[in-house]
Amino acid sequence: MGSKSPPVPIGVQNWRDLYRAALFEMDSQKLPLRIAEAERALNVRACELYALSGETTEEGRSVQHALSSLRALSYCLRLKTEWPKAG
């Protein structure tokens, strides 16, 4: 019944900061790297949360939501770069 999330271990990058950096990156050249960094941090945190509690926590749901959002952003970026240019 532990709905509290374990504390973020010292030395682990805050996934929220990396997630926000990806969402608000304006440079389309830097965006793929920002997405990859955030996804990596989110996947690490998801594994940590599951290993520590074995159940879904509020933070765990937030991590899954963030991962889904990044996948959608990545897909939109691919569409934009692969879509034939009108001209």
PDB file of N, CA and C in Angstrom:
ATOM      1  N   MET A   1       0.814  -1.204   0.000  1.00  0.00           N
ATOM      2  CA  MET A   1       0.000   0.000   0.000  1.00  0.00           C
ATOM      3  C   MET A   1       0.846   1.252   0.000  1.00  0.00           C
ATOM      4  N   GLY A   2       2.079   1.118  -0.424  1.00  0.00           N
ATOM      5  CA  GLY A   2       2.957   2.270  -0.420  1.00  0.00           C
ATOM      6  C   GLY A   2       2.749   3.128  -1.645  1.00  0.00           C
ATOM      7  N   SER A   3       1.995   4.196  -1.513  1.00  0.00           N
ATOM      8  CA  SER A   3       1.775   5.083  -2.646  1.00  0.00           C
ATOM      9  C   SER A   3       2.859   6.142  -2.738  1.00  0.00           C
ATOM     10  N   LYS A   4       3.717   6.206  -1.696  1.00  0.00           N
ATOM     11  CA  LYS A   4       4.812   7.165  -1.733  1.00  0.00           C
ATOM     12  C   LYS A   4       5.928   6.634  -2.606  1.00  0.00           C
ATOM     13  N   SER A   5       6.536   7.514  -3.371  1.00  0.00           N
ATOM     14  CA  SER A   5       7.651   7.135  -4.222  1.00  0.00           C
ATOM     15  C   SER A   5       8.938   7.219  -3.428  1.00  0.00           C
ATOM     16  N   PRO A   6       9.856   6.298  -3.695  1.00  0.00           N
ATOM     17  CA  PRO A   6      11.150   6.378  -3.034  1.00  0.00           C
ATOM     18  C   PRO A   6      11.868   7.654  -3.451  1.00  0.00           C
ATOM     19  N   PRO A   7      12.747   8.167  -2.587  1.00  0.00           N
ATOM     20  CA  PRO A   7      13.476   9.383  -2.951  1.00  0.00           C
ATOM     21  C   PRO A   7      14.409   9.125  -4.126  1.00  0.00           C
ATOM     22  N   VAL A   8      14.696  10.176  -4.866  1.00  0.00           N
ATOM     23  CA  VAL A   8      15.614  10.068  -5.996  1.00  0.00           C
ATOM     24  C   VAL A   8      17.023   9.914  -5.431  1.00  0.00           C
ATOM     25  N   PRO A   9      17.734   8.851  -5.816  1.00  0.00           N
ATOM     26  CA  PRO A   9      19.089   8.665  -5.300  1.00  0.00           C
ATOM     27  C   PRO A   9      20.008   9.807  -5.701  1.00  0.00           C
ATOM     28  N   ILE A  10      20.942  10.140  -4.817  1.00  0.00           N
ATOM     29  CA  ILE A  10      21.916  11.191  -5.093  1.00  0.00           C
ATOM     30  C   ILE A  10      22.745  10.767  -6.304  1.00  0.00           C
ATOM     31  N   GLY A  11      23.018  11.696  -7.197  1.00  0.00           N
ATOM     32  CA  GLY A  11      23.822  11.415  -8.375  1.00  0.00           C
ATOM     33  C   GLY A  11      23.003  11.023  -9.595  1.00  0.00           C
ATOM     34  N   VAL A  12      21.726  10.744  -9.413  1.00  0.00           N
ATOM     35  CA  VAL A  12      20.875  10.400 -10.547  1.00  0.00           C
ATOM     36  C   VAL A  12      20.281  11.688 -11.087  1.00  0.00           C
ATOM     37  N   GLN A  13      20.402  11.882 -12.407  1.00  0.00           N
ATOM     38  CA  GLN A  13      19.832  13.095 -12.994  1.00  0.00           C
ATOM     39  C   GLN A  13      18.325  13.084 -12.822  1.00  0.00           C
ATOM     40  N   ASN A  14      17.807  14.220 -12.554  1.00  0.00           N
ATOM     41  CA  ASN A  14      16.375  14.359 -12.364  1.00  0.00           C
ATOM     42  C   ASN A  14      15.658  14.201 -13.706  1.00  0.00           C
ATOM     43  N   TRP A  15      14.868  13.148 -13.825  1.00  0.00           N
ATOM     44  CA  TRP A  15      14.179  12.881 -15.087  1.00  0.00           C
ATOM     45  C   TRP A  15      13.233  14.010 -15.464  1.00  0.00           C
ATOM     46  N   ARG A  16      12.682  14.657 -14.471  1.00  0.00           N
ATOM     47  CA  ARG A  16      11.738  15.747 -14.772  1.00  0.00           C
ATOM     48  C   ARG A  16      12.429  16.893 -15.520  1.00  0.00           C
ATOM     49  N   ASP A  17      13.638  17.233 -15.087  1.00  0.00           N
ATOM     50  CA  ASP A  17      14.374  18.310 -15.764  1.00  0.00           C
ATOM     51  C   ASP A  17      14.703  17.931 -17.205  1.00  0.00           C
ATOM     52  N   LEU A  18      15.138  16.688 -17.412  1.00  0.00           N
ATOM     53  CA  LEU A  18      15.469  16.239 -18.761  1.00  0.00           C
ATOM     54  C   LEU A  18      14.219  16.159 -19.634  1.00  0.00           C
ATOM     55  N   TYR A  19      13.114  15.745 -19.036  1.00  0.00           N
ATOM     56  CA  TYR A  19      11.835  15.670 -19.758  1.00  0.00           C
ATOM     57  C   TYR A  19      11.403  17.069 -20.214  1.00  0.00           C
ATOM     58  N   ARG A  20      11.464  18.016 -19.294  1.00  0.00           N
ATOM     59  CA  ARG A  20      11.096  19.395 -19.644  1.00  0.00           C
ATOM     60  C   ARG A  20      12.030  19.967 -20.711  1.00  0.00           C
ATOM     61  N   ALA A  21      13.314  19.668 -20.592  1.00  0.00           N
ATOM     62  CA  ALA A  21      14.278  20.158 -21.582  1.00  0.00           C
ATOM     63  C   ALA A  21      13.921  19.637 -22.973  1.00  0.00           C
ATOM     64  N   ALA A  22      13.482  18.391 -23.057  1.00  0.00           N
ATOM     65  CA  ALA A  22      13.083  17.828 -24.348  1.00  0.00           C
ATOM     66  C   ALA A  22      11.808  18.486 -24.863  1.00  0.00           C
ATOM     67  N   LEU A  23      10.840  18.640 -23.979  1.00  0.00           N
ATOM     68  CA  LEU A  23       9.560  19.222 -24.402  1.00  0.00           C
ATOM     69  C   LEU A  23       9.698  20.650 -24.906  1.00  0.00           C
ATOM     70  N   PHE A  24      10.600  21.397 -24.301  1.00  0.00           N
ATOM     71  CA  PHE A  24      10.696  22.821 -24.625  1.00  0.00           C
ATOM     72  C   PHE A  24      11.904  23.174 -25.485  1.00  0.00           C
ATOM     73  N   GLU A  25      12.590  22.146 -26.020  1.00  0.00           N
ATOM     74  CA  GLU A  25      13.735  22.412 -26.908  1.00  0.00           C
ATOM     75  C   GLU A  25      13.231  23.026 -28.210  1.00  0.00           C
ATOM     76  N   MET A  26      13.768  24.164 -28.561  1.00  0.00           N
ATOM     77  CA  MET A  26      13.344  24.867 -29.766  1.00  0.00           C
ATOM     78  C   MET A  26      14.234  24.553 -30.974  1.00  0.00           C
ATOM     79  N   ASP A  27      15.428  24.070 -30.730  1.00  0.00           N
ATOM     80  CA  ASP A  27      16.369  23.765 -31.808  1.00  0.00           C
ATOM     81  C   ASP A  27      16.104  22.344 -32.300  1.00  0.00           C
ATOM     82  N   SER A  28      15.604  22.223 -33.522  1.00  0.00           N
ATOM     83  CA  SER A  28      15.238  20.900 -34.047  1.00  0.00           C
ATOM     84  C   SER A  28      16.455  19.992 -34.217  1.00  0.00           C
ATOM     85  N   GLN A  29      17.651  20.571 -34.289  1.00  0.00           N
ATOM     86  CA  GLN A  29      18.865  19.760 -34.382  1.00  0.00           C
ATOM     87  C   GLN A  29      19.201  19.116 -33.032  1.00  0.00           C
ATOM     88  N   LYS A  30      18.874  19.794 -31.939  1.00  0.00           N
ATOM     89  CA  LYS A  30      19.171  19.295 -30.594  1.00  0.00           C
ATOM     90  C   LYS A  30      18.060  18.406 -30.037  1.00  0.00           C
ATOM     91  N   LEU A  31      16.873  18.521 -30.603  1.00  0.00           N
ATOM     92  CA  LEU A  31      15.711  17.810 -30.064  1.00  0.00           C
ATOM     93  C   LEU A  31      15.891  16.293 -29.969  1.00  0.00           C
ATOM     94  N   PRO A  32      16.396  15.611 -31.000  1.00  0.00           N
ATOM     95  CA  PRO A  32      16.561  14.152 -30.873  1.00  0.00           C
ATOM     96  C   PRO A  32      17.457  13.754 -29.695  1.00  0.00           C
ATOM     97  N   LEU A  33      18.523  14.523 -29.456  1.00  0.00           N
ATOM     98  CA  LEU A  33      19.404  14.234 -28.324  1.00  0.00           C
ATOM     99  C   LEU A  33      18.688  14.459 -27.004  1.00  0.00           C
ATOM    100  N   ARG A  34      17.938  15.537 -26.915  1.00  0.00           N
ATOM    101  CA  ARG A  34      17.178  15.826 -25.679  1.00  0.00           C
ATOM    102  C   ARG A  34      16.165  14.704 -25.397  1.00  0.00           C
ATOM    103  N   ILE A  35      15.491  14.250 -26.443  1.00  0.00           N
ATOM    104  CA  ILE A  35      14.520  13.168 -26.278  1.00  0.00           C
ATOM    105  C   ILE A  35      15.228  11.906 -25.790  1.00  0.00           C
ATOM    106  N   ALA A  36      16.357  11.574 -26.405  1.00  0.00           N
ATOM    107  CA  ALA A  36      17.097  10.367 -26.028  1.00  0.00           C
ATOM    108  C   ALA A  36      17.589  10.440 -24.585  1.00  0.00           C
ATOM    109  N   GLU A  37      18.095  11.592 -24.168  1.00  0.00           N
ATOM    110  CA  GLU A  37      18.557  11.767 -22.782  1.00  0.00           C
ATOM    111  C   GLU A  37      17.407  11.577 -21.797  1.00  0.00           C
ATOM    112  N   ALA A  38      16.284  12.186 -22.105  1.00  0.00           N
ATOM    113  CA  ALA A  38      15.127  12.084 -21.219  1.00  0.00           C
ATOM    114  C   ALA A  38      14.601  10.653 -21.160  1.00  0.00           C
ATOM    115  N   GLU A  39      14.510   9.988 -22.313  1.00  0.00           N
ATOM    116  CA  GLU A  39      14.038   8.603 -22.329  1.00  0.00           C
ATOM    117  C   GLU A  39      14.950   7.694 -21.510  1.00  0.00           C
ATOM    118  N   ARG A  40      16.252   7.910 -21.631  1.00  0.00           N
ATOM    119  CA  ARG A  40      17.206   7.103 -20.873  1.00  0.00           C
ATOM    120  C   ARG A  40      16.987   7.281 -19.369  1.00  0.00           C
ATOM    121  N   ALA A  41      16.881   8.536 -18.935  1.00  0.00           N
ATOM    122  CA  ALA A  41      16.669   8.831 -17.518  1.00  0.00           C
ATOM    123  C   ALA A  41      15.331   8.270 -17.027  1.00  0.00           C
ATOM    124  N   LEU A  42      14.305   8.388 -17.850  1.00  0.00           N
ATOM    125  CA  LEU A  42      12.981   7.867 -17.482  1.00  0.00           C
ATOM    126  C   LEU A  42      12.994   6.348 -17.360  1.00  0.00           C
ATOM    127  N   ASN A  43      13.657   5.670 -18.275  1.00  0.00           N
ATOM    128  CA  ASN A  43      13.726   4.213 -18.203  1.00  0.00           C
ATOM    129  C   ASN A  43      14.493   3.748 -16.967  1.00  0.00           C
ATOM    130  N   VAL A  44      15.577   4.449 -16.642  1.00  0.00           N
ATOM    131  CA  VAL A  44      16.339   4.119 -15.431  1.00  0.00           C
ATOM    132  C   VAL A  44      15.451   4.297 -14.205  1.00  0.00           C
ATOM    133  N   ARG A  45      14.745   5.416 -14.155  1.00  0.00           N
ATOM    134  CA  ARG A  45      13.895   5.686 -12.982  1.00  0.00           C
ATOM    135  C   ARG A  45      12.748   4.688 -12.893  1.00  0.00           C
ATOM    136  N   ALA A  46      12.166   4.303 -14.013  1.00  0.00           N
ATOM    137  CA  ALA A  46      11.086   3.310 -14.000  1.00  0.00           C
ATOM    138  C   ALA A  46      11.592   1.998 -13.411  1.00  0.00           C
ATOM    139  N   CYS A  47      12.781   1.592 -13.802  1.00  0.00           N
ATOM    140  CA  CYS A  47      13.362   0.352 -13.258  1.00  0.00           C
ATOM    141  C   CYS A  47      13.638   0.481 -11.762  1.00  0.00           C
ATOM    142  N   GLU A  48      14.163   1.629 -11.347  1.00  0.00           N
ATOM    143  CA  GLU A  48      14.433   1.857  -9.931  1.00  0.00           C
ATOM    144  C   GLU A  48      13.149   1.779  -9.108  1.00  0.00           C
ATOM    145  N   LEU A  49      12.119   2.458  -9.591  1.00  0.00           N
ATOM    146  CA  LEU A  49      10.854   2.475  -8.853  1.00  0.00           C
ATOM    147  C   LEU A  49      10.268   1.074  -8.728  1.00  0.00           C
ATOM    148  N   TYR A  50      10.308   0.313  -9.803  1.00  0.00           N
ATOM    149  CA  TYR A  50       9.760  -1.034  -9.764  1.00  0.00           C
ATOM    150  C   TYR A  50      10.583  -1.916  -8.827  1.00  0.00           C
ATOM    151  N   ALA A  51      11.906  -1.788  -8.892  1.00  0.00           N
ATOM    152  CA  ALA A  51      12.770  -2.604  -8.038  1.00  0.00           C
ATOM    153  C   ALA A  51      12.585  -2.267  -6.558  1.00  0.00           C
ATOM    154  N   LEU A  52      12.339  -1.006  -6.269  1.00  0.00           N
ATOM    155  CA  LEU A  52      12.204  -0.587  -4.882  1.00  0.00           C
ATOM    156  C   LEU A  52      10.852  -0.927  -4.283  1.00  0.00           C
ATOM    157  N   SER A  53       9.803  -0.819  -5.079  1.00  0.00           N
ATOM    158  CA  SER A  53       8.474  -1.007  -4.500  1.00  0.00           C
ATOM    159  C   SER A  53       7.726  -2.209  -5.066  1.00  0.00           C
ATOM    160  N   GLY A  54       8.052  -2.589  -6.297  1.00  0.00           N
ATOM    161  CA  GLY A  54       7.351  -3.706  -6.915  1.00  0.00           C
ATOM    162  C   GLY A  54       5.926  -3.387  -7.320  1.00  0.00           C
ATOM    163  N   GLU A  55       5.524  -2.158  -7.161  1.00  0.00           N
ATOM    164  CA  GLU A  55       4.164  -1.766  -7.548  1.00  0.00           C
ATOM    165  C   GLU A  55       4.198  -0.394  -8.198  1.00  0.00           C
ATOM    166  N   THR A  56       3.122  -0.034  -8.820  1.00  0.00           N
ATOM    167  CA  THR A  56       3.040   1.256  -9.496  1.00  0.00           C
ATOM    168  C   THR A  56       2.781   2.349  -8.464  1.00  0.00           C
ATOM    169  N   THR A  57       3.605   3.376  -8.525  1.00  0.00           N
ATOM    170  CA  THR A  57       3.459   4.521  -7.634  1.00  0.00           C
ATOM    171  C   THR A  57       2.982   5.715  -8.451  1.00  0.00           C
ATOM    172  N   GLU A  58       2.694   6.786  -7.769  1.00  0.00           N
ATOM    173  CA  GLU A  58       2.296   8.009  -8.475  1.00  0.00           C
ATOM    174  C   GLU A  58       3.423   8.467  -9.394  1.00  0.00           C
ATOM    175  N   GLU A  59       4.661   8.418  -8.891  1.00  0.00           N
ATOM    176  CA  GLU A  59       5.780   8.798  -9.743  1.00  0.00           C
ATOM    177  C   GLU A  59       5.920   7.819 -10.910  1.00  0.00           C
ATOM    178  N   GLY A  60       5.672   6.550 -10.658  1.00  0.00           N
ATOM    179  CA  GLY A  60       5.749   5.553 -11.723  1.00  0.00           C
ATOM    180  C   GLY A  60       4.766   5.846 -12.846  1.00  0.00           C
ATOM    181  N   ARG A  61       3.558   6.260 -12.480  1.00  0.00           N
ATOM    182  CA  ARG A  61       2.561   6.630 -13.493  1.00  0.00           C
ATOM    183  C   ARG A  61       3.014   7.874 -14.257  1.00  0.00           C
ATOM    184  N   SER A  62       3.627   8.818 -13.551  1.00  0.00           N
ATOM    185  CA  SER A  62       4.141  10.027 -14.208  1.00  0.00           C
ATOM    186  C   SER A  62       5.262   9.678 -15.178  1.00  0.00           C
ATOM    187  N   VAL A  63       6.120   8.746 -14.787  1.00  0.00           N
ATOM    188  CA  VAL A  63       7.216   8.309 -15.656  1.00  0.00           C
ATOM    189  C   VAL A  63       6.652   7.672 -16.920  1.00  0.00           C
ATOM    190  N   GLN A  64       5.661   6.812 -16.778  1.00  0.00           N
ATOM    191  CA  GLN A  64       5.066   6.156 -17.947  1.00  0.00           C
ATOM    192  C   GLN A  64       4.383   7.174 -18.863  1.00  0.00           C
ATOM    193  N   HIS A  65       3.713   8.138 -18.276  1.00  0.00           N
ATOM    194  CA  HIS A  65       3.068   9.193 -19.062  1.00  0.00           C
ATOM    195  C   HIS A  65       4.121  10.004 -19.826  1.00  0.00           C
ATOM    196  N   ALA A  66       5.209  10.345 -19.155  1.00  0.00           N
ATOM    197  CA  ALA A  66       6.279  11.118 -19.791  1.00  0.00           C
ATOM    198  C   ALA A  66       6.907  10.322 -20.946  1.00  0.00           C
ATOM    199  N   LEU A  67       7.128   9.032 -20.737  1.00  0.00           N
ATOM    200  CA  LEU A  67       7.684   8.200 -21.808  1.00  0.00           C
ATOM    201  C   LEU A  67       6.756   8.171 -23.018  1.00  0.00           C
ATOM    202  N   SER A  68       5.470   8.056 -22.773  1.00  0.00           N
ATOM    203  CA  SER A  68       4.497   8.060 -23.875  1.00  0.00           C
ATOM    204  C   SER A  68       4.523   9.397 -24.621  1.00  0.00           C
ATOM    205  N   SER A  69       4.617  10.463 -23.884  1.00  0.00           N
ATOM    206  CA  SER A  69       4.662  11.789 -24.506  1.00  0.00           C
ATOM    207  C   SER A  69       5.912  11.962 -25.349  1.00  0.00           C
ATOM    208  N   LEU A  70       7.046  11.465 -24.855  1.00  0.00           N
ATOM    209  CA  LEU A  70       8.288  11.568 -25.621  1.00  0.00           C
ATOM    210  C   LEU A  70       8.234  10.718 -26.886  1.00  0.00           C
ATOM    211  N   ARG A  71       7.598   9.554 -26.796  1.00  0.00           N
ATOM    212  CA  ARG A  71       7.441   8.719 -27.992  1.00  0.00           C
ATOM    213  C   ARG A  71       6.614   9.459 -29.040  1.00  0.00           C
ATOM    214  N   ALA A  72       5.558  10.123 -28.601  1.00  0.00           N
ATOM    215  CA  ALA A  72       4.713  10.885 -29.526  1.00  0.00           C
ATOM    216  C   ALA A  72       5.494  12.046 -30.133  1.00  0.00           C
ATOM    217  N   LEU A  73       6.267  12.739 -29.319  1.00  0.00           N
ATOM    218  CA  LEU A  73       7.078  13.852 -29.805  1.00  0.00           C
ATOM    219  C   LEU A  73       8.106  13.358 -30.821  1.00  0.00           C
ATOM    220  N   SER A  74       8.740  12.240 -30.521  1.00  0.00           N
ATOM    221  CA  SER A  74       9.723  11.656 -31.425  1.00  0.00           C
ATOM    222  C   SER A  74       9.080  11.260 -32.754  1.00  0.00           C
ATOM    223  N   TYR A  75       7.894  10.683 -32.690  1.00  0.00           N
ATOM    224  CA  TYR A  75       7.163  10.295 -33.894  1.00  0.00           C
ATOM    225  C   TYR A  75       6.823  11.522 -34.743  1.00  0.00           C
ATOM    226  N   CYS A  76       6.355  12.576 -34.106  1.00  0.00           N
ATOM    227  CA  CYS A  76       6.029  13.809 -34.827  1.00  0.00           C
ATOM    228  C   CYS A  76       7.274  14.418 -35.470  1.00  0.00           C
ATOM    229  N   LEU A  77       8.386  14.360 -34.774  1.00  0.00           N
ATOM    230  CA  LEU A  77       9.637  14.873 -35.322  1.00  0.00           C
ATOM    231  C   LEU A  77      10.052  14.075 -36.548  1.00  0.00           C
ATOM    232  N   ARG A  78       9.915  12.748 -36.470  1.00  0.00           N
ATOM    233  CA  ARG A  78      10.242  11.906 -37.626  1.00  0.00           C
ATOM    234  C   ARG A  78       9.335  12.228 -38.804  1.00  0.00           C
ATOM    235  N   LEU A  79       8.050  12.384 -38.548  1.00  0.00           N
ATOM    236  CA  LEU A  79       7.119  12.731 -39.622  1.00  0.00           C
ATOM    237  C   LEU A  79       7.503  14.048 -40.276  1.00  0.00           C
ATOM    238  N   LYS A  80       7.853  15.000 -39.451  1.00  0.00           N
ATOM    239  CA  LYS A  80       8.206  16.322 -39.970  1.00  0.00           C
ATOM    240  C   LYS A  80       9.452  16.261 -40.844  1.00  0.00           C
ATOM    241  N   THR A  81      10.437  15.468 -40.445  1.00  0.00           N
ATOM    242  CA  THR A  81      11.684  15.419 -41.208  1.00  0.00           C
ATOM    243  C   THR A  81      11.575  14.501 -42.418  1.00  0.00           C
ATOM    244  N   GLU A  82      10.674  13.518 -42.374  1.00  0.00           N
ATOM    245  CA  GLU A  82      10.543  12.577 -43.484  1.00  0.00           C
ATOM    246  C   GLU A  82       9.466  12.979 -44.486  1.00  0.00           C
ATOM    247  N   TRP A  83       8.571  13.858 -44.076  1.00  0.00           N
ATOM    248  CA  TRP A  83       7.469  14.265 -44.939  1.00  0.00           C
ATOM    249  C   TRP A  83       8.018  14.998 -46.158  1.00  0.00           C
ATOM    250  N   PRO A  84       7.562  14.632 -47.350  1.00  0.00           N
ATOM    251  CA  PRO A  84       8.059  15.326 -48.546  1.00  0.00           C
ATOM    252  C   PRO A  84       7.770  16.827 -48.476  1.00  0.00           C
ATOM    253  N   LYS A  85       8.751  17.588 -48.819  1.00  0.00           N
ATOM    254  CA  LYS A  85       8.595  19.038 -48.818  1.00  0.00           C
ATOM    255  C   LYS A  85       7.688  19.470 -49.967  1.00  0.00           C
ATOM    256  N   ALA A  86       6.738  20.304 -49.634  1.00  0.00           N
ATOM    257  CA  ALA A  86       5.847  20.826 -50.684  1.00  0.00           C
ATOM    258  C   ALA A  86       6.601  21.910 -51.442  1.00  0.00           C
ATOM    259  N   GLY A  87       6.470  21.912 -52.683  1.00  0.00           N
ATOM    260  CA  GLY A  87       7.191  22.954 -53.374  1.00  0.00           C
ATOM    261  C   GLY A  87       6.839  23.019 -54.750  1.00  0.00           C
TER     262      GLY A  87
END
